[in-house]
mmCIF file of all heavy atoms, coordinates in Angstrom:
data_MODEL
# 
_entry.id   MODEL 
# 
loop_
_atom_site.group_PDB 
_atom_site.id 
_atom_site.type_symbol 
_atom_site.label_atom_id 
_atom_site.label_alt_id 
_atom_site.label_comp_id 
_atom_site.label_asym_id 
_atom_site.label_entity_id 
_atom_site.label_seq_id 
_atom_site.pdbx_PDB_ins_code 
_atom_site.Cartn_x 
_atom_site.Cartn_y 
_atom_site.Cartn_z 
_atom_site.occupancy 
_atom_site.B_iso_or_equiv 
_atom_site.pdbx_formal_charge 
_atom_site.auth_seq_id 
_atom_site.auth_comp_id 
_atom_site.auth_asym_id 
_atom_site.auth_atom_id 
_atom_site.pdbx_PDB_model_num 
ATOM 1   N N   . GLY A 1 1  ? 10.071 225.923 -28.950 1.00 0.00 ? 1  GLY A N   1 
ATOM 2   C CA  . GLY A 1 1  ? 11.008 226.767 -28.232 1.00 0.00 ? 1  GLY A CA  1 
ATOM 3   C C   . GLY A 1 1  ? 10.981 226.636 -26.730 1.00 0.00 ? 1  GLY A C   1 
ATOM 4   O O   . GLY A 1 1  ? 11.526 227.481 -26.011 1.00 0.00 ? 1  GLY A O   1 
ATOM 5   N N   . ILE A 1 2  ? 10.375 225.565 -26.192 1.00 0.00 ? 2  ILE A N   1 
ATOM 6   C CA  . ILE A 1 2  ? 10.243 225.446 -24.748 1.00 0.00 ? 2  ILE A CA  1 
ATOM 7   C C   . ILE A 1 2  ? 11.566 225.076 -24.069 1.00 0.00 ? 2  ILE A C   1 
ATOM 8   O O   . ILE A 1 2  ? 11.726 225.225 -22.867 1.00 0.00 ? 2  ILE A O   1 
ATOM 9   C CB  . ILE A 1 2  ? 9.136  224.426 -24.386 1.00 0.00 ? 2  ILE A CB  1 
ATOM 10  C CG1 . ILE A 1 2  ? 8.627  224.695 -22.967 1.00 0.00 ? 2  ILE A CG1 1 
ATOM 11  C CG2 . ILE A 1 2  ? 9.612  222.984 -24.513 1.00 0.00 ? 2  ILE A CG2 1 
ATOM 12  C CD1 . ILE A 1 2  ? 7.349  223.985 -22.637 1.00 0.00 ? 2  ILE A CD1 1 
ATOM 13  N N   . THR A 1 3  ? 12.535 224.574 -24.825 1.00 0.00 ? 3  THR A N   1 
ATOM 14  C CA  . THR A 1 3  ? 13.863 224.320 -24.288 1.00 0.00 ? 3  THR A CA  1 
ATOM 15  C C   . THR A 1 3  ? 14.865 225.240 -24.978 1.00 0.00 ? 3  THR A C   1 
ATOM 16  O O   . THR A 1 3  ? 14.530 225.967 -25.899 1.00 0.00 ? 3  THR A O   1 
ATOM 17  C CB  . THR A 1 3  ? 14.294 222.857 -24.508 1.00 0.00 ? 3  THR A CB  1 
ATOM 18  O OG1 . THR A 1 3  ? 14.556 222.657 -25.899 1.00 0.00 ? 3  THR A OG1 1 
ATOM 19  C CG2 . THR A 1 3  ? 13.229 221.880 -24.056 1.00 0.00 ? 3  THR A CG2 1 
ATOM 20  N N   . SER A 1 4  ? 16.115 225.172 -24.511 1.00 0.00 ? 4  SER A N   1 
ATOM 21  C CA  . SER A 1 4  ? 17.162 225.987 -25.125 1.00 0.00 ? 4  SER A CA  1 
ATOM 22  C C   . SER A 1 4  ? 17.510 225.493 -26.527 1.00 0.00 ? 4  SER A C   1 
ATOM 23  O O   . SER A 1 4  ? 18.127 226.201 -27.309 1.00 0.00 ? 4  SER A O   1 
ATOM 24  C CB  . SER A 1 4  ? 18.425 225.976 -24.242 1.00 0.00 ? 4  SER A CB  1 
ATOM 25  O OG  . SER A 1 4  ? 18.903 224.651 -24.087 1.00 0.00 ? 4  SER A OG  1 
ATOM 26  N N   . LEU A 1 5  ? 17.107 224.265 -26.848 1.00 0.00 ? 5  LEU A N   1 
ATOM 27  C CA  . LEU A 1 5  ? 17.333 223.735 -28.189 1.00 0.00 ? 5  LEU A CA  1 
ATOM 28  C C   . LEU A 1 5  ? 16.333 224.355 -29.155 1.00 0.00 ? 5  LEU A C   1 
ATOM 29  O O   . LEU A 1 5  ? 15.128 224.249 -28.956 1.00 0.00 ? 5  LEU A O   1 
ATOM 30  C CB  . LEU A 1 5  ? 17.175 222.211 -28.185 1.00 0.00 ? 5  LEU A CB  1 
ATOM 31  C CG  . LEU A 1 5  ? 18.159 221.423 -27.327 1.00 0.00 ? 5  LEU A CG  1 
ATOM 32  C CD1 . LEU A 1 5  ? 17.758 219.948 -27.285 1.00 0.00 ? 5  LEU A CD1 1 
ATOM 33  C CD2 . LEU A 1 5  ? 19.567 221.566 -27.872 1.00 0.00 ? 5  LEU A CD2 1 
ATOM 34  N N   . GLN A 1 6  ? 16.828 225.001 -30.171 1.00 0.00 ? 6  GLN A N   1 
ATOM 35  C CA  . GLN A 1 6  ? 15.952 225.679 -31.119 1.00 0.00 ? 6  GLN A CA  1 
ATOM 36  C C   . GLN A 1 6  ? 15.689 224.855 -32.372 1.00 0.00 ? 6  GLN A C   1 
ATOM 37  O O   . GLN A 1 6  ? 14.710 225.081 -33.075 1.00 0.00 ? 6  GLN A O   1 
ATOM 38  C CB  . GLN A 1 6  ? 16.574 227.027 -31.508 1.00 0.00 ? 6  GLN A CB  1 
ATOM 39  C CG  . GLN A 1 6  ? 16.732 227.975 -30.333 1.00 0.00 ? 6  GLN A CG  1 
ATOM 40  C CD  . GLN A 1 6  ? 15.416 228.304 -29.646 1.00 0.00 ? 6  GLN A CD  1 
ATOM 41  O OE1 . GLN A 1 6  ? 14.434 228.631 -30.302 1.00 0.00 ? 6  GLN A OE1 1 
ATOM 42  N NE2 . GLN A 1 6  ? 15.386 228.197 -28.328 1.00 0.00 ? 6  GLN A NE2 1 
ATOM 43  N N   . LYS A 1 7  ? 16.556 223.900 -32.652 1.00 0.00 ? 7  LYS A N   1 
ATOM 44  C CA  . LYS A 1 7  ? 16.429 223.136 -33.892 1.00 0.00 ? 7  LYS A CA  1 
ATOM 45  C C   . LYS A 1 7  ? 15.473 221.969 -33.706 1.00 0.00 ? 7  LYS A C   1 
ATOM 46  O O   . LYS A 1 7  ? 15.583 221.196 -32.751 1.00 0.00 ? 7  LYS A O   1 
ATOM 47  C CB  . LYS A 1 7  ? 17.804 222.623 -34.315 1.00 0.00 ? 7  LYS A CB  1 
ATOM 48  C CG  . LYS A 1 7  ? 17.830 222.041 -35.724 1.00 0.00 ? 7  LYS A CG  1 
ATOM 49  C CD  . LYS A 1 7  ? 19.261 221.780 -36.160 1.00 0.00 ? 7  LYS A CD  1 
ATOM 50  C CE  . LYS A 1 7  ? 19.316 221.272 -37.585 1.00 0.00 ? 7  LYS A CE  1 
ATOM 51  N NZ  . LYS A 1 7  ? 18.653 219.974 -37.732 1.00 0.00 ? 7  LYS A NZ  1 
ATOM 52  N N   . ASN A 1 8  ? 14.543 221.854 -34.614 1.00 0.00 ? 8  ASN A N   1 
ATOM 53  C CA  . ASN A 1 8  ? 13.554 220.788 -34.544 1.00 0.00 ? 8  ASN A CA  1 
ATOM 54  C C   . ASN A 1 8  ? 13.192 220.403 -35.985 1.00 0.00 ? 8  ASN A C   1 
ATOM 55  O O   . ASN A 1 8  ? 12.602 221.220 -36.691 1.00 0.00 ? 8  ASN A O   1 
ATOM 56  C CB  . ASN A 1 8  ? 12.321 221.275 -33.795 1.00 0.00 ? 8  ASN A CB  1 
ATOM 57  C CG  . ASN A 1 8  ? 11.331 220.168 -33.509 1.00 0.00 ? 8  ASN A CG  1 
ATOM 58  O OD1 . ASN A 1 8  ? 11.584 219.006 -33.759 1.00 0.00 ? 8  ASN A OD1 1 
ATOM 59  N ND2 . ASN A 1 8  ? 10.168 220.543 -32.973 1.00 0.00 ? 8  ASN A ND2 1 
ATOM 60  N N   . PRO A 1 9  ? 13.587 219.207 -36.439 1.00 0.00 ? 9  PRO A N   1 
ATOM 61  C CA  . PRO A 1 9  ? 14.154 218.089 -35.683 1.00 0.00 ? 9  PRO A CA  1 
ATOM 62  C C   . PRO A 1 9  ? 15.646 218.246 -35.405 1.00 0.00 ? 9  PRO A C   1 
ATOM 63  O O   . PRO A 1 9  ? 16.339 218.978 -36.096 1.00 0.00 ? 9  PRO A O   1 
ATOM 64  C CB  . PRO A 1 9  ? 13.922 216.893 -36.624 1.00 0.00 ? 9  PRO A CB  1 
ATOM 65  C CG  . PRO A 1 9  ? 13.998 217.509 -37.989 1.00 0.00 ? 9  PRO A CG  1 
ATOM 66  C CD  . PRO A 1 9  ? 13.363 218.871 -37.865 1.00 0.00 ? 9  PRO A CD  1 
ATOM 67  N N   . ASN A 1 10 ? 16.091 217.510 -34.375 1.00 0.00 ? 10 ASN A N   1 
ATOM 68  C CA  . ASN A 1 10 ? 17.526 217.451 -34.107 1.00 0.00 ? 10 ASN A CA  1 
ATOM 69  C C   . ASN A 1 10 ? 17.955 215.984 -34.042 1.00 0.00 ? 10 ASN A C   1 
ATOM 70  O O   . ASN A 1 10 ? 17.231 215.101 -34.512 1.00 0.00 ? 10 ASN A O   1 
ATOM 71  C CB  . ASN A 1 10 ? 17.888 218.241 -32.856 1.00 0.00 ? 10 ASN A CB  1 
ATOM 72  C CG  . ASN A 1 10 ? 17.266 217.660 -31.603 1.00 0.00 ? 10 ASN A CG  1 
ATOM 73  O OD1 . ASN A 1 10 ? 16.848 216.509 -31.566 1.00 0.00 ? 10 ASN A OD1 1 
ATOM 74  N ND2 . ASN A 1 10 ? 17.197 218.467 -30.566 1.00 0.00 ? 10 ASN A ND2 1 
ATOM 75  N N   . SER A 1 11 ? 19.117 215.720 -33.472 1.00 0.00 ? 11 SER A N   1 
ATOM 76  C CA  . SER A 1 11 ? 19.647 214.350 -33.527 1.00 0.00 ? 11 SER A CA  1 
ATOM 77  C C   . SER A 1 11 ? 18.768 213.340 -32.788 1.00 0.00 ? 11 SER A C   1 
ATOM 78  O O   . SER A 1 11 ? 18.724 212.171 -33.159 1.00 0.00 ? 11 SER A O   1 
ATOM 79  C CB  . SER A 1 11 ? 21.076 214.306 -32.992 1.00 0.00 ? 11 SER A CB  1 
ATOM 80  O OG  . SER A 1 11 ? 21.145 214.786 -31.667 1.00 0.00 ? 11 SER A OG  1 
ATOM 81  N N   . TRP A 1 12 ? 18.056 213.774 -31.747 1.00 0.00 ? 12 TRP A N   1 
ATOM 82  C CA  . TRP A 1 12 ? 17.128 212.862 -31.069 1.00 0.00 ? 12 TRP A CA  1 
ATOM 83  C C   . TRP A 1 12 ? 16.021 212.431 -32.023 1.00 0.00 ? 12 TRP A C   1 
ATOM 84  O O   . TRP A 1 12 ? 15.700 211.244 -32.134 1.00 0.00 ? 12 TRP A O   1 
ATOM 85  C CB  . TRP A 1 12 ? 16.534 213.530 -29.832 1.00 0.00 ? 12 TRP A CB  1 
ATOM 86  C CG  . TRP A 1 12 ? 17.388 213.397 -28.612 1.00 0.00 ? 12 TRP A CG  1 
ATOM 87  C CD1 . TRP A 1 12 ? 18.306 214.286 -28.147 1.00 0.00 ? 12 TRP A CD1 1 
ATOM 88  C CD2 . TRP A 1 12 ? 17.411 212.282 -27.708 1.00 0.00 ? 12 TRP A CD2 1 
ATOM 89  N NE1 . TRP A 1 12 ? 18.901 213.795 -27.004 1.00 0.00 ? 12 TRP A NE1 1 
ATOM 90  C CE2 . TRP A 1 12 ? 18.371 212.571 -26.715 1.00 0.00 ? 12 TRP A CE2 1 
ATOM 91  C CE3 . TRP A 1 12 ? 16.715 211.073 -27.641 1.00 0.00 ? 12 TRP A CE3 1 
ATOM 92  C CZ2 . TRP A 1 12 ? 18.654 211.699 -25.665 1.00 0.00 ? 12 TRP A CZ2 1 
ATOM 93  C CZ3 . TRP A 1 12 ? 16.991 210.198 -26.590 1.00 0.00 ? 12 TRP A CZ3 1 
ATOM 94  C CH2 . TRP A 1 12 ? 17.948 210.509 -25.625 1.00 0.00 ? 12 TRP A CH2 1 
ATOM 95  N N   . ASP A 1 13 ? 15.417 213.383 -32.691 1.00 0.00 ? 13 ASP A N   1 
ATOM 96  C CA  . ASP A 1 13 ? 14.353 213.049 -33.644 1.00 0.00 ? 13 ASP A CA  1 
ATOM 97  C C   . ASP A 1 13 ? 14.867 212.173 -34.769 1.00 0.00 ? 13 ASP A C   1 
ATOM 98  O O   . ASP A 1 13 ? 14.198 211.216 -35.195 1.00 0.00 ? 13 ASP A O   1 
ATOM 99  C CB  . ASP A 1 13 ? 13.768 214.333 -34.245 1.00 0.00 ? 13 ASP A CB  1 
ATOM 100 C CG  . ASP A 1 13 ? 13.222 215.276 -33.190 1.00 0.00 ? 13 ASP A CG  1 
ATOM 101 O OD1 . ASP A 1 13 ? 12.309 214.873 -32.460 1.00 0.00 ? 13 ASP A OD1 1 
ATOM 102 O OD2 . ASP A 1 13 ? 13.716 216.418 -33.114 1.00 0.00 ? 13 ASP A OD2 1 
ATOM 103 N N   . LYS A 1 14 ? 16.063 212.499 -35.261 1.00 0.00 ? 14 LYS A N   1 
ATOM 104 C CA  . LYS A 1 14 ? 16.644 211.720 -36.355 1.00 0.00 ? 14 LYS A CA  1 
ATOM 105 C C   . LYS A 1 14 ? 16.924 210.289 -35.929 1.00 0.00 ? 14 LYS A C   1 
ATOM 106 O O   . LYS A 1 14 ? 16.770 209.347 -36.706 1.00 0.00 ? 14 LYS A O   1 
ATOM 107 C CB  . LYS A 1 14 ? 17.906 212.409 -36.858 1.00 0.00 ? 14 LYS A CB  1 
ATOM 108 C CG  . LYS A 1 14 ? 17.612 213.740 -37.535 1.00 0.00 ? 14 LYS A CG  1 
ATOM 109 C CD  . LYS A 1 14 ? 18.866 214.469 -37.974 1.00 0.00 ? 14 LYS A CD  1 
ATOM 110 C CE  . LYS A 1 14 ? 18.500 215.795 -38.629 1.00 0.00 ? 14 LYS A CE  1 
ATOM 111 N NZ  . LYS A 1 14 ? 19.685 216.515 -39.140 1.00 0.00 ? 14 LYS A NZ  1 
ATOM 112 N N   . MET A 1 15 ? 17.326 210.115 -34.672 1.00 0.00 ? 15 MET A N   1 
ATOM 113 C CA  . MET A 1 15 ? 17.551 208.761 -34.155 1.00 0.00 ? 15 MET A CA  1 
ATOM 114 C C   . MET A 1 15 ? 16.243 207.984 -34.135 1.00 0.00 ? 15 MET A C   1 
ATOM 115 O O   . MET A 1 15 ? 16.176 206.832 -34.594 1.00 0.00 ? 15 MET A O   1 
ATOM 116 C CB  . MET A 1 15 ? 18.157 208.837 -32.751 1.00 0.00 ? 15 MET A CB  1 
ATOM 117 C CG  . MET A 1 15 ? 18.358 207.492 -32.065 1.00 0.00 ? 15 MET A CG  1 
ATOM 118 S SD  . MET A 1 15 ? 16.899 206.872 -31.171 1.00 0.00 ? 15 MET A SD  1 
ATOM 119 C CE  . MET A 1 15 ? 16.709 208.152 -29.913 1.00 0.00 ? 15 MET A CE  1 
ATOM 120 N N   . PHE A 1 16 ? 15.182 208.590 -33.611 1.00 0.00 ? 16 PHE A N   1 
ATOM 121 C CA  . PHE A 1 16 ? 13.895 207.890 -33.569 1.00 0.00 ? 16 PHE A CA  1 
ATOM 122 C C   . PHE A 1 16 ? 13.406 207.576 -34.987 1.00 0.00 ? 16 PHE A C   1 
ATOM 123 O O   . PHE A 1 16 ? 12.929 206.463 -35.257 1.00 0.00 ? 16 PHE A O   1 
ATOM 124 C CB  . PHE A 1 16 ? 12.857 208.720 -32.816 1.00 0.00 ? 16 PHE A CB  1 
ATOM 125 C CG  . PHE A 1 16 ? 13.025 208.697 -31.317 1.00 0.00 ? 16 PHE A CG  1 
ATOM 126 C CD1 . PHE A 1 16 ? 13.263 209.861 -30.614 1.00 0.00 ? 16 PHE A CD1 1 
ATOM 127 C CD2 . PHE A 1 16 ? 12.948 207.504 -30.618 1.00 0.00 ? 16 PHE A CD2 1 
ATOM 128 C CE1 . PHE A 1 16 ? 13.423 209.849 -29.239 1.00 0.00 ? 16 PHE A CE1 1 
ATOM 129 C CE2 . PHE A 1 16 ? 13.108 207.472 -29.236 1.00 0.00 ? 16 PHE A CE2 1 
ATOM 130 C CZ  . PHE A 1 16 ? 13.342 208.660 -28.541 1.00 0.00 ? 16 PHE A CZ  1 
ATOM 131 N N   . TYR A 1 17 ? 13.524 208.528 -35.887 1.00 0.00 ? 17 TYR A N   1 
ATOM 132 C CA  . TYR A 1 17 ? 13.125 208.259 -37.266 1.00 0.00 ? 17 TYR A CA  1 
ATOM 133 C C   . TYR A 1 17 ? 13.911 207.081 -37.839 1.00 0.00 ? 17 TYR A C   1 
ATOM 134 O O   . TYR A 1 17 ? 13.330 206.157 -38.430 1.00 0.00 ? 17 TYR A O   1 
ATOM 135 C CB  . TYR A 1 17 ? 13.350 209.505 -38.132 1.00 0.00 ? 17 TYR A CB  1 
ATOM 136 C CG  . TYR A 1 17 ? 13.313 209.186 -39.612 1.00 0.00 ? 17 TYR A CG  1 
ATOM 137 C CD1 . TYR A 1 17 ? 12.097 209.055 -40.280 1.00 0.00 ? 17 TYR A CD1 1 
ATOM 138 C CD2 . TYR A 1 17 ? 14.483 208.976 -40.333 1.00 0.00 ? 17 TYR A CD2 1 
ATOM 139 C CE1 . TYR A 1 17 ? 12.052 208.732 -41.625 1.00 0.00 ? 17 TYR A CE1 1 
ATOM 140 C CE2 . TYR A 1 17 ? 14.446 208.652 -41.680 1.00 0.00 ? 17 TYR A CE2 1 
ATOM 141 C CZ  . TYR A 1 17 ? 13.234 208.529 -42.318 1.00 0.00 ? 17 TYR A CZ  1 
ATOM 142 O OH  . TYR A 1 17 ? 13.200 208.184 -43.649 1.00 0.00 ? 17 TYR A OH  1 
ATOM 143 N N   . PHE A 1 18 ? 15.207 207.104 -37.671 1.00 0.00 ? 18 PHE A N   1 
ATOM 144 C CA  . PHE A 1 18 ? 16.065 206.100 -38.295 1.00 0.00 ? 18 PHE A CA  1 
ATOM 145 C C   . PHE A 1 18 ? 15.765 204.697 -37.779 1.00 0.00 ? 18 PHE A C   1 
ATOM 146 O O   . PHE A 1 18 ? 15.642 203.750 -38.564 1.00 0.00 ? 18 PHE A O   1 
ATOM 147 C CB  . PHE A 1 18 ? 17.526 206.464 -38.027 1.00 0.00 ? 18 PHE A CB  1 
ATOM 148 C CG  . PHE A 1 18 ? 18.523 205.601 -38.742 1.00 0.00 ? 18 PHE A CG  1 
ATOM 149 C CD1 . PHE A 1 18 ? 18.623 205.630 -40.123 1.00 0.00 ? 18 PHE A CD1 1 
ATOM 150 C CD2 . PHE A 1 18 ? 19.387 204.766 -38.032 1.00 0.00 ? 18 PHE A CD2 1 
ATOM 151 C CE1 . PHE A 1 18 ? 19.553 204.835 -40.789 1.00 0.00 ? 18 PHE A CE1 1 
ATOM 152 C CE2 . PHE A 1 18 ? 20.311 203.976 -38.694 1.00 0.00 ? 18 PHE A CE2 1 
ATOM 153 C CZ  . PHE A 1 18 ? 20.390 204.005 -40.068 1.00 0.00 ? 18 PHE A CZ  1 
ATOM 154 N N   . PHE A 1 19 ? 15.609 204.555 -36.475 1.00 0.00 ? 19 PHE A N   1 
ATOM 155 C CA  . PHE A 1 19 ? 15.434 203.220 -35.908 1.00 0.00 ? 19 PHE A CA  1 
ATOM 156 C C   . PHE A 1 19 ? 13.982 202.763 -35.877 1.00 0.00 ? 19 PHE A C   1 
ATOM 157 O O   . PHE A 1 19 ? 13.726 201.551 -35.806 1.00 0.00 ? 19 PHE A O   1 
ATOM 158 C CB  . PHE A 1 19 ? 16.048 203.157 -34.507 1.00 0.00 ? 19 PHE A CB  1 
ATOM 159 C CG  . PHE A 1 19 ? 17.550 203.144 -34.540 1.00 0.00 ? 19 PHE A CG  1 
ATOM 160 C CD1 . PHE A 1 19 ? 18.267 204.291 -34.256 1.00 0.00 ? 19 PHE A CD1 1 
ATOM 161 C CD2 . PHE A 1 19 ? 18.243 202.002 -34.913 1.00 0.00 ? 19 PHE A CD2 1 
ATOM 162 C CE1 . PHE A 1 19 ? 19.656 204.295 -34.311 1.00 0.00 ? 19 PHE A CE1 1 
ATOM 163 C CE2 . PHE A 1 19 ? 19.625 201.996 -34.978 1.00 0.00 ? 19 PHE A CE2 1 
ATOM 164 C CZ  . PHE A 1 19 ? 20.333 203.153 -34.676 1.00 0.00 ? 19 PHE A CZ  1 
ATOM 165 N N   . LEU A 1 20 ? 13.037 203.679 -35.935 1.00 0.00 ? 20 LEU A N   1 
ATOM 166 C CA  . LEU A 1 20 ? 11.633 203.264 -35.961 1.00 0.00 ? 20 LEU A CA  1 
ATOM 167 C C   . LEU A 1 20 ? 11.088 203.140 -37.376 1.00 0.00 ? 20 LEU A C   1 
ATOM 168 O O   . LEU A 1 20 ? 10.143 202.394 -37.613 1.00 0.00 ? 20 LEU A O   1 
ATOM 169 C CB  . LEU A 1 20 ? 10.777 204.273 -35.181 1.00 0.00 ? 20 LEU A CB  1 
ATOM 170 C CG  . LEU A 1 20 ? 11.119 204.465 -33.708 1.00 0.00 ? 20 LEU A CG  1 
ATOM 171 C CD1 . LEU A 1 20 ? 10.167 205.477 -33.072 1.00 0.00 ? 20 LEU A CD1 1 
ATOM 172 C CD2 . LEU A 1 20 ? 11.090 203.155 -32.944 1.00 0.00 ? 20 LEU A CD2 1 
ATOM 173 N N   . LYS A 1 21 ? 11.712 203.845 -38.319 1.00 0.00 ? 21 LYS A N   1 
ATOM 174 C CA  . LYS A 1 21 ? 11.184 203.884 -39.685 1.00 0.00 ? 21 LYS A CA  1 
ATOM 175 C C   . LYS A 1 21 ? 12.040 203.098 -40.677 1.00 0.00 ? 21 LYS A C   1 
ATOM 176 O O   . LYS A 1 21 ? 11.510 202.399 -41.544 1.00 0.00 ? 21 LYS A O   1 
ATOM 177 C CB  . LYS A 1 21 ? 11.085 205.344 -40.136 1.00 0.00 ? 21 LYS A CB  1 
ATOM 178 C CG  . LYS A 1 21 ? 10.428 205.561 -41.487 1.00 0.00 ? 21 LYS A CG  1 
ATOM 179 C CD  . LYS A 1 21 ? 8.935  205.374 -41.423 1.00 0.00 ? 21 LYS A CD  1 
ATOM 180 C CE  . LYS A 1 21 ? 8.284  205.773 -42.747 1.00 0.00 ? 21 LYS A CE  1 
ATOM 181 N NZ  . LYS A 1 21 ? 6.817  205.556 -42.714 1.00 0.00 ? 21 LYS A NZ  1 
ATOM 182 N N   . GLU A 1 22 ? 13.358 203.205 -40.551 1.00 0.00 ? 22 GLU A N   1 
ATOM 183 C CA  . GLU A 1 22 ? 14.231 202.666 -41.593 1.00 0.00 ? 22 GLU A CA  1 
ATOM 184 C C   . GLU A 1 22 ? 14.930 201.358 -41.208 1.00 0.00 ? 22 GLU A C   1 
ATOM 185 O O   . GLU A 1 22 ? 15.369 200.634 -42.095 1.00 0.00 ? 22 GLU A O   1 
ATOM 186 C CB  . GLU A 1 22 ? 15.285 203.708 -41.988 1.00 0.00 ? 22 GLU A CB  1 
ATOM 187 C CG  . GLU A 1 22 ? 14.721 204.922 -42.701 1.00 0.00 ? 22 GLU A CG  1 
ATOM 188 C CD  . GLU A 1 22 ? 15.792 205.743 -43.382 1.00 0.00 ? 22 GLU A CD  1 
ATOM 189 O OE1 . GLU A 1 22 ? 16.990 205.398 -43.247 1.00 0.00 ? 22 GLU A OE1 1 
ATOM 190 O OE2 . GLU A 1 22 ? 15.435 206.733 -44.048 1.00 0.00 ? 22 GLU A OE2 1 
ATOM 191 N N   . LYS A 1 23 ? 15.067 201.078 -39.920 1.00 0.00 ? 23 LYS A N   1 
ATOM 192 C CA  . LYS A 1 23 ? 15.844 199.920 -39.483 1.00 0.00 ? 23 LYS A CA  1 
ATOM 193 C C   . LYS A 1 23 ? 14.985 198.940 -38.686 1.00 0.00 ? 23 LYS A C   1 
ATOM 194 O O   . LYS A 1 23 ? 13.859 199.249 -38.285 1.00 0.00 ? 23 LYS A O   1 
ATOM 195 C CB  . LYS A 1 23 ? 17.046 200.366 -38.646 1.00 0.00 ? 23 LYS A CB  1 
ATOM 196 C CG  . LYS A 1 23 ? 18.073 201.156 -39.448 1.00 0.00 ? 23 LYS A CG  1 
ATOM 197 C CD  . LYS A 1 23 ? 18.732 200.292 -40.516 1.00 0.00 ? 23 LYS A CD  1 
ATOM 198 C CE  . LYS A 1 23 ? 19.742 201.062 -41.332 1.00 0.00 ? 23 LYS A CE  1 
ATOM 199 N NZ  . LYS A 1 23 ? 20.405 200.228 -42.357 1.00 0.00 ? 23 LYS A NZ  1 
ATOM 200 N N   . ASP A 1 24 ? 15.544 197.772 -38.447 1.00 0.00 ? 24 ASP A N   1 
ATOM 201 C CA  . ASP A 1 24 ? 14.830 196.726 -37.723 1.00 0.00 ? 24 ASP A CA  1 
ATOM 202 C C   . ASP A 1 24 ? 15.809 196.033 -36.778 1.00 0.00 ? 24 ASP A C   1 
ATOM 203 O O   . ASP A 1 24 ? 16.519 195.109 -37.182 1.00 0.00 ? 24 ASP A O   1 
ATOM 204 C CB  . ASP A 1 24 ? 14.219 195.728 -38.714 1.00 0.00 ? 24 ASP A CB  1 
ATOM 205 C CG  . ASP A 1 24 ? 13.391 194.659 -38.029 1.00 0.00 ? 24 ASP A CG  1 
ATOM 206 O OD1 . ASP A 1 24 ? 12.894 194.916 -36.923 1.00 0.00 ? 24 ASP A OD1 1 
ATOM 207 O OD2 . ASP A 1 24 ? 13.250 193.555 -38.597 1.00 0.00 ? 24 ASP A OD2 1 
ATOM 208 N N   . TYR A 1 25 ? 15.855 196.491 -35.531 1.00 0.00 ? 25 TYR A N   1 
ATOM 209 C CA  . TYR A 1 25 ? 16.769 195.937 -34.532 1.00 0.00 ? 25 TYR A CA  1 
ATOM 210 C C   . TYR A 1 25 ? 15.990 195.338 -33.369 1.00 0.00 ? 25 TYR A C   1 
ATOM 211 O O   . TYR A 1 25 ? 14.861 195.753 -33.072 1.00 0.00 ? 25 TYR A O   1 
ATOM 212 C CB  . TYR A 1 25 ? 17.707 197.028 -34.008 1.00 0.00 ? 25 TYR A CB  1 
ATOM 213 C CG  . TYR A 1 25 ? 18.848 197.343 -34.950 1.00 0.00 ? 25 TYR A CG  1 
ATOM 214 C CD1 . TYR A 1 25 ? 18.739 198.371 -35.877 1.00 0.00 ? 25 TYR A CD1 1 
ATOM 215 C CD2 . TYR A 1 25 ? 20.024 196.600 -34.922 1.00 0.00 ? 25 TYR A CD2 1 
ATOM 216 C CE1 . TYR A 1 25 ? 19.777 198.656 -36.753 1.00 0.00 ? 25 TYR A CE1 1 
ATOM 217 C CE2 . TYR A 1 25 ? 21.065 196.875 -35.790 1.00 0.00 ? 25 TYR A CE2 1 
ATOM 218 C CZ  . TYR A 1 25 ? 20.941 197.903 -36.697 1.00 0.00 ? 25 TYR A CZ  1 
ATOM 219 O OH  . TYR A 1 25 ? 21.970 198.168 -37.566 1.00 0.00 ? 25 TYR A OH  1 
# 
């Protein structure tokens, strides 16, 4: 809750998960 964003994970986390875990670019 340190930022105004309350949702965790959000699209930033999902992006890191997707490109670090599922994809190879």
